[in-house]
């Protein structure tokens, strides 16, 4: 009888089983790393929005803070011309309100509809909770980013949240 070259079916099944075991271990770690990256991006984006709000307030003091992200950035991709409706302080992807698995929602602070607006609030919530992120972030005119694992209301409550 001639000797056959190649792998037997048992050997191939063992290799496939080993690959599946390694994948079962690696995928949850990959998801946790992705959520951590999304949360870090959300914190950075909230900080960028804080800086943009302060810059917008300084540039257009007759209006004060804004409550629409497109006023801090731009409504469409392309060149941005600074004005009260497109401040050009943040990039297009962030001014759209969704970035890296998080949704960014601005709101009026305690002053309501007074002009100039003396305060603002920004809330970052995961687009798919427990998948794109587990924490919620918010900030207002003191520019401190706060976090919570519970769903937050907008404007965010300042006293009950952990500092980031």
Protein backbone atom coordinates (compact mmCIF):
# COMPACT_ATOMS: atom_id res chain seq x y z
CA UNK A 1 0.00 0.00 0.00
CA UNK A 2 1.30 3.44 -0.91
CA UNK A 3 1.71 6.04 1.84
CA UNK A 4 -0.81 8.90 1.41
CA UNK A 5 0.38 12.48 1.97
CA UNK A 6 -1.79 15.14 3.58
CA UNK A 7 -3.86 15.64 6.72
CA UNK A 8 -6.46 13.29 8.04
CA UNK A 9 -9.97 14.47 8.83
CA UNK A 10 -9.31 14.17 12.57
CA UNK A 11 -6.24 16.40 12.34
CA UNK A 12 -8.19 19.06 10.44
CA UNK A 13 -11.04 18.94 12.98
CA UNK A 14 -8.58 19.41 15.85
CA UNK A 15 -7.04 22.47 14.16
CA UNK A 16 -10.49 23.98 13.52
CA UNK A 17 -11.50 23.34 17.15
CA UNK A 18 -8.35 25.06 18.42
CA UNK A 19 -9.02 28.08 16.18
CA UNK A 20 -12.62 28.31 17.46
CA UNK A 21 -11.47 28.15 21.08
CA UNK A 22 -8.97 30.96 20.50
CA UNK A 23 -11.64 33.04 18.74
CA UNK A 24 -14.09 32.47 21.63
CA UNK A 25 -11.48 33.85 24.03
CA UNK A 26 -10.39 36.78 21.84
CA UNK A 27 -13.73 38.20 20.67
CA UNK A 28 -15.03 39.35 24.10
CA UNK A 29 -11.69 41.04 24.79
CA UNK A 30 -11.88 42.75 21.42
CA UNK A 31 -15.39 44.03 22.20
CA UNK A 32 -14.26 45.39 25.58
CA UNK A 33 -11.31 47.13 23.94
CA UNK A 34 -13.61 48.63 21.32
CA UNK A 35 -16.01 49.93 23.99
CA UNK A 36 -13.08 51.46 25.89
CA UNK A 37 -11.88 53.15 22.71
CA UNK A 38 -15.39 54.50 22.00
CA UNK A 39 -15.65 55.85 25.54
CA UNK A 40 -12.23 57.53 25.29
CA UNK A 41 -13.27 59.07 21.98
CA UNK A 42 -16.51 60.32 23.55
CA UNK A 43 -14.62 62.01 26.39
CA UNK A 44 -12.30 63.67 23.87
CA UNK A 45 -15.25 64.78 21.77
CA UNK A 46 -17.03 66.27 24.80
CA UNK A 47 -13.84 68.16 25.61
CA UNK A 48 -13.67 69.42 22.02
CA UNK A 49 -17.28 70.58 22.25
CA UNK A 50 -16.51 72.37 25.53
CA UNK A 51 -13.60 74.18 23.91
CA UNK A 52 -15.76 75.02 20.88
CA UNK A 53 -18.56 76.38 23.09
CA UNK A 54 -16.14 78.63 24.97
CA UNK A 55 -14.60 79.82 21.70
CA UNK A 56 -18.03 80.42 20.15
CA UNK A 57 -19.12 82.39 23.22
CA UNK A 58 -15.97 84.52 23.00
CA UNK A 59 -16.33 85.10 19.24
CA UNK A 60 -20.08 85.80 19.27
CA UNK A 61 -20.73 87.23 22.73
CA UNK A 62 -24.01 88.79 21.60
CA UNK A 63 -25.36 85.23 21.07
CA UNK A 64 -23.56 83.47 23.92
CA UNK A 65 -23.33 79.70 23.92
CA UNK A 66 -25.01 77.62 21.25
CA UNK A 67 -27.32 74.63 21.56
CA UNK A 68 -26.87 73.26 18.04
CA UNK A 69 -23.72 71.37 17.10
CA UNK A 70 -23.83 72.57 13.50
CA UNK A 71 -23.35 76.12 14.81
CA UNK A 72 -20.06 74.97 16.31
CA UNK A 73 -18.96 73.17 13.15
CA UNK A 74 -20.66 72.98 9.80
CA UNK A 75 -23.81 71.41 8.37
CA UNK A 76 -22.20 69.73 5.33
CA UNK A 77 -18.79 68.42 4.32
CA UNK A 78 -16.47 70.81 2.55
CA UNK A 79 -14.95 74.18 3.27
CA UNK A 80 -16.24 76.00 6.32
CA UNK A 81 -16.75 79.75 6.46
CA UNK A 82 -16.89 81.06 10.04
CA UNK A 83 -20.18 82.74 10.96
CA UNK A 84 -22.80 82.61 13.70
CA UNK A 85 -24.44 79.60 12.00
CA UNK A 86 -21.20 77.72 11.21
CA UNK A 87 -18.49 78.55 13.74
CA UNK A 88 -15.89 76.11 12.30
CA UNK A 89 -14.69 75.15 15.79
CA UNK A 90 -15.32 71.38 15.48
CA UNK A 91 -15.03 68.97 12.57
CA UNK A 92 -17.88 67.84 10.34
CA UNK A 93 -18.19 64.35 11.82
CA UNK A 94 -18.68 65.68 15.35
CA UNK A 95 -21.03 68.48 14.31
CA UNK A 96 -23.31 65.78 12.87
CA UNK A 97 -23.94 64.54 16.42
CA UNK A 98 -22.75 60.93 16.05
CA UNK A 99 -19.14 59.81 16.31
CA UNK A 100 -17.40 56.56 17.38
CA UNK A 101 -20.50 54.83 18.70
CA UNK A 102 -21.77 57.82 20.70
CA UNK A 103 -24.55 60.34 20.10
CA UNK A 104 -23.89 63.92 21.23
CA UNK A 105 -26.90 65.99 22.23
CA UNK A 106 -26.61 69.66 23.22
CA UNK A 107 -29.26 71.34 25.35
CA UNK A 108 -30.04 74.62 26.97
CA UNK A 109 -28.84 74.99 30.50
CA UNK A 110 -30.82 76.65 33.28
CA UNK A 111 -31.15 80.00 31.49
CA UNK A 112 -33.62 78.68 28.91
CA UNK A 113 -34.12 80.87 25.88
CA UNK A 114 -32.43 84.04 27.20
CA UNK A 115 -30.14 85.75 24.71
CA UNK A 116 -27.21 85.80 25.09
CA UNK A 117 -27.23 82.20 26.31
CA UNK A 118 -25.22 82.06 29.54
CA UNK A 119 -24.97 78.28 29.83
CA UNK A 120 -25.15 75.04 27.86
CA UNK A 121 -25.09 71.29 28.39
CA UNK A 122 -23.74 68.48 26.24
CA UNK A 123 -24.68 64.82 26.70
CA UNK A 124 -22.83 61.88 25.14
CA UNK A 125 -24.80 58.63 25.11
CA UNK A 126 -23.81 55.30 23.53
CA UNK A 127 -25.75 54.65 20.32
CA UNK A 128 -26.19 51.00 21.36
CA UNK A 129 -25.87 50.73 25.16
CA UNK A 130 -23.62 47.88 26.39
CA UNK A 131 -22.32 47.40 22.86
CA UNK A 132 -20.80 50.70 21.72
CA UNK A 133 -20.22 51.84 25.32
CA UNK A 134 -21.45 51.45 28.87
CA UNK A 135 -21.00 54.96 30.29
CA UNK A 136 -22.78 58.23 29.64
CA UNK A 137 -20.86 61.51 29.66
CA UNK A 138 -21.96 65.09 30.08
CA UNK A 139 -20.55 68.52 30.63
CA UNK A 140 -21.64 72.12 30.85
CA UNK A 141 -20.00 75.53 31.00
CA UNK A 142 -17.51 74.62 33.75
CA UNK A 143 -15.90 72.32 31.09
CA UNK A 144 -15.58 69.35 33.46
CA UNK A 145 -16.51 66.02 31.86
CA UNK A 146 -18.72 63.90 34.12
CA UNK A 147 -19.63 60.25 33.70
CA UNK A 148 -22.36 57.89 34.85
CA UNK A 149 -23.28 54.30 34.15
CA UNK A 150 -26.98 55.24 34.42
CA UNK A 151 -28.96 56.97 31.68
CA UNK A 152 -28.65 60.74 32.04
CA UNK A 153 -31.18 63.47 31.43
CA UNK A 154 -30.21 66.50 29.41
CA UNK A 155 -29.29 69.06 30.74
CA UNK A 156 -27.08 66.90 32.89
CA UNK A 157 -27.35 67.11 36.67
CA UNK A 158 -24.03 68.50 37.94
CA UNK A 159 -23.95 67.29 41.54
CA UNK A 160 -24.64 63.58 41.15
CA UNK A 161 -21.97 62.51 38.65
CA UNK A 162 -18.40 61.30 38.94
CA UNK A 163 -15.70 63.52 37.51
CA UNK A 164 -13.82 62.13 34.51
